[in-house]
Each structure stands twice: as structure tokens, then as C-alpha cells.
Amino acid sequence: MPQFIATVYKYGKKGDKTGWTFVEMPLDIISQLKLKNRREFKIKGWIDDAQIKRLVCYPVKNGTYIIALNAEVRKKIKKSEGDQVSIKFTLDKSAALQSPELLDCLKEDKVAQKQFESLPLSHRNYFHRYIYSAKGADTKANRLVNVINAMYKKQNFGEMLRELKEN
């Protein structure tokens, strides 16, 4: 099981990764994984004492990868930019979560469905998780409306969230 210590960083303005909190995966760890392509992959394991599942590693420049630390993970580990974390992981080969409610809405709206299917798989997965993680029925309904509106505006997940934050 690969293990390393990393510093937590946060992107400023950086396209669809604007505002992301992340750690960099060391090159020697990447070479141990013997990846067949330069695509994102998921990991499971531990960050400090917090168990993680389905955490995505994204390829960036120079052959390196970053591990995005979403709000749920940051809350668990209680760390922020500049802090150090210990990471121990394995590859997570489980299937991506899918929101049946989102799939049903997209079946009813062919314009939104066409736009959704044109997005990279990672962005479709962000939208599914956004819906899937809603706690209440009202929140889920509002999020479904947000996603369908984003499809009509041809927004990716990050663009949708930034617009929602502004309003």
C-alpha cells in the first residue's frame, strides 16, 4: 500500500480547478502504480486518521497527479492550506455513483441530456455526486434544477458552482 506525506495546497484562479484544495502525489509513488494512461483514477485508504473512499487523482503538468480534497475530506482531517497530511492508499476500482433522479430528469430533457453526455466523464460524475449527496428532498430538487439550468448554459461543474456562489 503506497504511503507518503504531502503538503496541502489551494489553487487560486486556475480554470476549472479554481479554488480547489489538493495535495501533490510524489513521482515515485506514481511510477509504483504503473498506470496505463494519463487519466484520472480513484483511491481509497487513509488521510491521517480519516478513512477515504472514491477520492479522485487528476493528472496535471510534468507527469504529476494531484489528489483533490473536497469539503467532506477537509472537514474529516481538519487541515487547510500549508498543513501536512499522511496518505496511505490503494486504487479504488468501484463504479462511480450515479443519481437515478438526475438520469430520469435527463431522459425527459433531450437538450440537457445531449449537453450532459458531451461533458468529460469526471464532470458528469461531479454532477451525479452533487445530486446524490443532497440530504433532503428540497435540496435534491433544487440541485436537479441547478444541473439542468447549467446544461442549457453549457457550463461544466465548476462554472455552475461559481455562478451559484455569486447569486
C-alpha atoms as a PDB file:
ATOM      1  CA  MET A   1       0.000   0.000   0.000  1.00  0.00           C
ATOM      2  CA  PRO A   2       1.690   3.261  -1.116  1.00  0.00           C
ATOM      3  CA  GLN A   3       2.230   5.839   1.597  1.00  0.00           C
ATOM      4  CA  PHE A   4       3.576   9.401   1.626  1.00  0.00           C
ATOM      5  CA  ILE A   5       3.445  12.752   3.423  1.00  0.00           C
ATOM      6  CA  ALA A   6       2.266  15.801   1.483  1.00  0.00           C
ATOM      7  CA  THR A   7       1.541  19.492   1.930  1.00  0.00           C
ATOM      8  CA  VAL A   8      -1.988  20.781   1.376  1.00  0.00           C
ATOM      9  CA  TYR A   9      -2.203  23.431  -1.383  1.00  0.00           C
ATOM     10  CA  LYS A  10      -5.017  25.545  -2.788  1.00  0.00           C
ATOM     11  CA  TYR A  11      -5.334  26.823  -6.349  1.00  0.00           C
ATOM     12  CA  GLY A  12      -6.102  30.463  -6.916  1.00  0.00           C
ATOM     13  CA  LYS A  13      -7.582  31.158 -10.333  1.00  0.00           C
ATOM     14  CA  LYS A  14      -6.876  28.067 -12.462  1.00  0.00           C
ATOM     15  CA  GLY A  15      -9.645  27.330 -14.972  1.00  0.00           C
ATOM     16  CA  ASP A  16     -11.977  24.544 -13.856  1.00  0.00           C
ATOM     17  CA  LYS A  17      -9.751  23.882 -10.809  1.00  0.00           C
ATOM     18  CA  THR A  18     -10.156  27.402  -9.370  1.00  0.00           C
ATOM     19  CA  GLY A  19     -10.311  27.258  -5.578  1.00  0.00           C
ATOM     20  CA  TRP A  20      -9.532  23.540  -5.325  1.00  0.00           C
ATOM     21  CA  THR A  21      -7.698  22.261  -2.260  1.00  0.00           C
ATOM     22  CA  PHE A  22      -5.302  19.415  -3.083  1.00  0.00           C
ATOM     23  CA  VAL A  23      -2.071  17.544  -2.410  1.00  0.00           C
ATOM     24  CA  GLU A  24       0.511  16.501  -4.975  1.00  0.00           C
ATOM     25  CA  MET A  25       1.299  12.829  -5.403  1.00  0.00           C
ATOM     26  CA  PRO A  26       5.078  12.205  -5.499  1.00  0.00           C
ATOM     27  CA  LEU A  27       6.527  10.967  -8.822  1.00  0.00           C
ATOM     28  CA  ASP A  28       7.998   7.837  -7.202  1.00  0.00           C
ATOM     29  CA  ILE A  29       4.515   6.831  -5.978  1.00  0.00           C
ATOM     30  CA  ILE A  30       3.075   7.407  -9.457  1.00  0.00           C
ATOM     31  CA  SER A  31       5.722   5.156 -11.003  1.00  0.00           C
ATOM     32  CA  GLN A  32       4.864   2.394  -8.477  1.00  0.00           C
ATOM     33  CA  LEU A  33       1.235   2.472  -9.676  1.00  0.00           C
ATOM     34  CA  LYS A  34       2.228   1.517 -13.255  1.00  0.00           C
ATOM     35  CA  LEU A  35      -0.657   3.463 -14.753  1.00  0.00           C
ATOM     36  CA  LYS A  36      -1.504   2.558 -18.345  1.00  0.00           C
ATOM     37  CA  ASN A  37      -2.621   6.070 -19.334  1.00  0.00           C
ATOM     38  CA  ARG A  38      -2.639   9.687 -18.158  1.00  0.00           C
ATOM     39  CA  ARG A  39      -6.217   9.685 -16.923  1.00  0.00           C
ATOM     40  CA  GLU A  40      -7.719  10.348 -13.550  1.00  0.00           C
ATOM     41  CA  PHE A  41      -8.162   7.486 -11.125  1.00  0.00           C
ATOM     42  CA  LYS A  42      -9.744   6.966  -7.708  1.00  0.00           C
ATOM     43  CA  ILE A  43      -8.109   5.944  -4.464  1.00  0.00           C
ATOM     44  CA  LYS A  44      -9.275   4.639  -1.084  1.00  0.00           C
ATOM     45  CA  GLY A  45      -7.421   4.381   2.193  1.00  0.00           C
ATOM     46  CA  TRP A  46      -6.462   6.921   4.835  1.00  0.00           C
ATOM     47  CA  ILE A  47      -5.549  10.580   5.100  1.00  0.00           C
ATOM     48  CA  ASP A  48      -4.163  10.991   8.593  1.00  0.00           C
ATOM     49  CA  ASP A  49      -6.757   9.124  10.698  1.00  0.00           C
ATOM     50  CA  ALA A  50      -9.686   9.710   8.334  1.00  0.00           C
ATOM     51  CA  GLN A  51     -10.840   6.904   6.069  1.00  0.00           C
ATOM     52  CA  ILE A  52     -11.329   7.934   2.428  1.00  0.00           C
ATOM     53  CA  LYS A  53     -13.112   6.324  -0.497  1.00  0.00           C
ATOM     54  CA  ARG A  54     -13.575   7.348  -4.094  1.00  0.00           C
ATOM     55  CA  LEU A  55     -11.082  10.232  -3.875  1.00  0.00           C
ATOM     56  CA  VAL A  56     -10.047  11.326  -7.355  1.00  0.00           C
ATOM     57  CA  CYS A  57      -6.452  11.822  -8.521  1.00  0.00           C
ATOM     58  CA  TYR A  58      -6.122  14.136 -11.540  1.00  0.00           C
ATOM     59  CA  PRO A  59      -3.222  14.358 -13.987  1.00  0.00           C
ATOM     60  CA  VAL A  60      -1.502  17.741 -14.175  1.00  0.00           C
ATOM     61  CA  LYS A  61       1.614  19.025 -15.908  1.00  0.00           C
ATOM     62  CA  ASN A  62       5.022  17.301 -15.798  1.00  0.00           C
ATOM     63  CA  GLY A  63       3.556  13.820 -15.349  1.00  0.00           C
ATOM     64  CA  THR A  64       2.358  14.515 -11.831  1.00  0.00           C
ATOM     65  CA  TYR A  65      -1.064  13.994 -10.259  1.00  0.00           C
ATOM     66  CA  ILE A  66      -2.998  15.887  -7.632  1.00  0.00           C
ATOM     67  CA  ILE A  67      -5.453  14.461  -5.126  1.00  0.00           C
ATOM     68  CA  ALA A  68      -8.415  16.816  -4.762  1.00  0.00           C
ATOM     69  CA  LEU A  69      -9.504  17.277  -1.149  1.00  0.00           C
ATOM     70  CA  ASN A  70     -13.215  18.059  -1.230  1.00  0.00           C
ATOM     71  CA  ALA A  71     -15.046  19.761   1.653  1.00  0.00           C
ATOM     72  CA  GLU A  72     -16.095  16.431   3.179  1.00  0.00           C
ATOM     73  CA  VAL A  73     -12.471  15.243   3.369  1.00  0.00           C
ATOM     74  CA  ARG A  74     -11.167  18.590   4.642  1.00  0.00           C
ATOM     75  CA  LYS A  75     -13.774  18.524   7.409  1.00  0.00           C
ATOM     76  CA  LYS A  76     -12.703  14.996   8.428  1.00  0.00           C
ATOM     77  CA  ILE A  77      -8.974  15.740   8.507  1.00  0.00           C
ATOM     78  CA  LYS A  78      -9.270  19.283   9.920  1.00  0.00           C
ATOM     79  CA  LYS A  79      -6.411  20.510   7.740  1.00  0.00           C
ATOM     80  CA  SER A  80      -6.070  23.506   5.440  1.00  0.00           C
ATOM     81  CA  GLU A  81      -3.592  25.096   3.059  1.00  0.00           C
ATOM     82  CA  GLY A  82       0.002  24.735   4.259  1.00  0.00           C
ATOM     83  CA  ASP A  83      -0.679  21.816   6.621  1.00  0.00           C
ATOM     84  CA  GLN A  84       0.922  18.390   6.180  1.00  0.00           C
ATOM     85  CA  VAL A  85      -1.015  15.146   5.818  1.00  0.00           C
ATOM     86  CA  SER A  86      -0.069  11.480   5.781  1.00  0.00           C
ATOM     87  CA  ILE A  87      -1.669   9.481   2.949  1.00  0.00           C
ATOM     88  CA  LYS A  88      -1.878   5.690   2.687  1.00  0.00           C
ATOM     89  CA  PHE A  89      -3.963   4.298  -0.173  1.00  0.00           C
ATOM     90  CA  THR A  90      -4.842   1.674  -2.767  1.00  0.00           C
ATOM     91  CA  LEU A  91      -6.564   2.104  -6.106  1.00  0.00           C
ATOM     92  CA  ASP A  92     -10.358   2.235  -5.812  1.00  0.00           C
ATOM     93  CA  LYS A  93     -11.919   0.339  -8.687  1.00  0.00           C
ATOM     94  CA  SER A  94     -15.527   0.724  -7.540  1.00  0.00           C
ATOM     95  CA  ALA A  95     -18.031   2.112 -10.038  1.00  0.00           C
ATOM     96  CA  ALA A  96     -18.921   5.797  -9.934  1.00  0.00           C
ATOM     97  CA  LEU A  97     -22.042   6.862  -8.058  1.00  0.00           C
ATOM     98  CA  GLN A  98     -24.985   7.727 -10.254  1.00  0.00           C
ATOM     99  CA  SER A  99     -28.065   9.661  -9.275  1.00  0.00           C
ATOM    100  CA  PRO A 100     -31.203   7.937 -10.584  1.00  0.00           C
ATOM    101  CA  GLU A 101     -33.084  11.237 -10.205  1.00  0.00           C
ATOM    102  CA  LEU A 102     -30.622  13.043 -12.463  1.00  0.00           C
ATOM    103  CA  LEU A 103     -30.770  10.262 -15.051  1.00  0.00           C
ATOM    104  CA  ASP A 104     -34.597  10.460 -15.021  1.00  0.00           C
ATOM    105  CA  CYS A 105     -34.537  14.259 -15.490  1.00  0.00           C
ATOM    106  CA  LEU A 106     -32.094  13.985 -18.358  1.00  0.00           C
ATOM    107  CA  LYS A 107     -34.279  11.371 -20.084  1.00  0.00           C
ATOM    108  CA  GLU A 108     -37.110  13.911 -20.022  1.00  0.00           C
ATOM    109  CA  ASP A 109     -34.996  16.759 -21.445  1.00  0.00           C
ATOM    110  CA  LYS A 110     -33.096  15.795 -24.587  1.00  0.00           C
ATOM    111  CA  VAL A 111     -31.296  19.169 -24.879  1.00  0.00           C
ATOM    112  CA  ALA A 112     -29.898  18.870 -21.353  1.00  0.00           C
ATOM    113  CA  GLN A 113     -29.118  15.182 -21.905  1.00  0.00           C
ATOM    114  CA  LYS A 114     -27.117  15.904 -25.070  1.00  0.00           C
ATOM    115  CA  GLN A 115     -25.080  18.591 -23.292  1.00  0.00           C
ATOM    116  CA  PHE A 116     -24.550  16.361 -20.229  1.00  0.00           C
ATOM    117  CA  GLU A 117     -23.287  13.489 -22.389  1.00  0.00           C
ATOM    118  CA  SER A 118     -20.836  15.836 -24.150  1.00  0.00           C
ATOM    119  CA  LEU A 119     -19.059  16.528 -20.838  1.00  0.00           C
ATOM    120  CA  PRO A 120     -15.982  14.581 -19.732  1.00  0.00           C
ATOM    121  CA  LEU A 121     -16.807  11.621 -17.507  1.00  0.00           C
ATOM    122  CA  SER A 122     -15.239  13.348 -14.499  1.00  0.00           C
ATOM    123  CA  HIS A 123     -17.616  16.307 -14.819  1.00  0.00           C
ATOM    124  CA  ARG A 124     -20.635  14.045 -15.245  1.00  0.00           C
ATOM    125  CA  ASN A 125     -19.529  12.270 -12.073  1.00  0.00           C
ATOM    126  CA  TYR A 126     -19.296  15.618 -10.212  1.00  0.00           C
ATOM    127  CA  PHE A 127     -22.900  16.375 -11.168  1.00  0.00           C
ATOM    128  CA  HIS A 128     -24.062  12.914 -10.086  1.00  0.00           C
ATOM    129  CA  ARG A 129     -22.314  13.249  -6.737  1.00  0.00           C
ATOM    130  CA  TYR A 130     -23.761  16.748  -6.275  1.00  0.00           C
ATOM    131  CA  ILE A 131     -27.284  15.326  -6.593  1.00  0.00           C
ATOM    132  CA  TYR A 132     -26.522  12.077  -4.761  1.00  0.00           C
ATOM    133  CA  SER A 133     -25.120  13.891  -1.704  1.00  0.00           C
ATOM    134  CA  ALA A 134     -28.205  16.068  -1.137  1.00  0.00           C
ATOM    135  CA  LYS A 135     -29.695  15.280   2.272  1.00  0.00           C
ATOM    136  CA  GLY A 136     -33.308  16.406   1.873  1.00  0.00           C
ATOM    137  CA  ALA A 137     -35.887  16.252  -0.913  1.00  0.00           C
ATOM    138  CA  ASP A 138     -35.990  20.060  -1.293  1.00  0.00           C
ATOM    139  CA  THR A 139     -32.207  20.269  -1.592  1.00  0.00           C
ATOM    140  CA  LYS A 140     -32.181  17.443  -4.134  1.00  0.00           C
ATOM    141  CA  ALA A 141     -34.920  19.134  -6.197  1.00  0.00           C
ATOM    142  CA  ASN A 142     -33.066  22.483  -6.161  1.00  0.00           C
ATOM    143  CA  ARG A 143     -29.850  20.790  -7.209  1.00  0.00           C
ATOM    144  CA  LEU A 144     -31.596  18.997 -10.082  1.00  0.00           C
ATOM    145  CA  VAL A 145     -32.883  22.368 -11.321  1.00  0.00           C
ATOM    146  CA  ASN A 146     -29.351  23.818 -10.994  1.00  0.00           C
ATOM    147  CA  VAL A 147     -27.879  20.988 -13.084  1.00  0.00           C
ATOM    148  CA  ILE A 148     -30.497  21.218 -15.842  1.00  0.00           C
ATOM    149  CA  ASN A 149     -30.021  25.012 -15.984  1.00  0.00           C
ATOM    150  CA  ALA A 150     -26.241  24.509 -16.166  1.00  0.00           C
ATOM    151  CA  MET A 151     -26.692  22.159 -19.125  1.00  0.00           C
ATOM    152  CA  TYR A 152     -28.662  24.836 -21.000  1.00  0.00           C
ATOM    153  CA  LYS A 153     -25.886  27.349 -20.221  1.00  0.00           C
ATOM    154  CA  LYS A 154     -23.276  24.768 -21.345  1.00  0.00           C
ATOM    155  CA  GLN A 155     -21.492  25.030 -18.006  1.00  0.00           C
ATOM    156  CA  ASN A 156     -19.163  22.484 -16.503  1.00  0.00           C
ATOM    157  CA  PHE A 157     -19.459  21.643 -12.822  1.00  0.00           C
ATOM    158  CA  GLY A 158     -17.025  24.306 -11.600  1.00  0.00           C
ATOM    159  CA  GLU A 159     -18.668  27.033 -13.673  1.00  0.00           C
ATOM    160  CA  MET A 160     -22.077  26.096 -12.280  1.00  0.00           C
ATOM    161  CA  LEU A 161     -20.834  26.222  -8.688  1.00  0.00           C
ATOM    162  CA  ARG A 162     -19.099  29.580  -9.177  1.00  0.00           C
ATOM    163  CA  GLU A 163     -22.257  31.084 -10.681  1.00  0.00           C
ATOM    164  CA  LEU A 164     -24.391  29.705  -7.838  1.00  0.00           C
ATOM    165  CA  LYS A 165     -21.968  31.208  -5.304  1.00  0.00           C
ATOM    166  CA  GLU A 166     -22.238  34.636  -6.965  1.00  0.00           C
ATOM    167  CA  ASN A 167     -26.058  34.640  -6.785  1.00  0.00           C
END
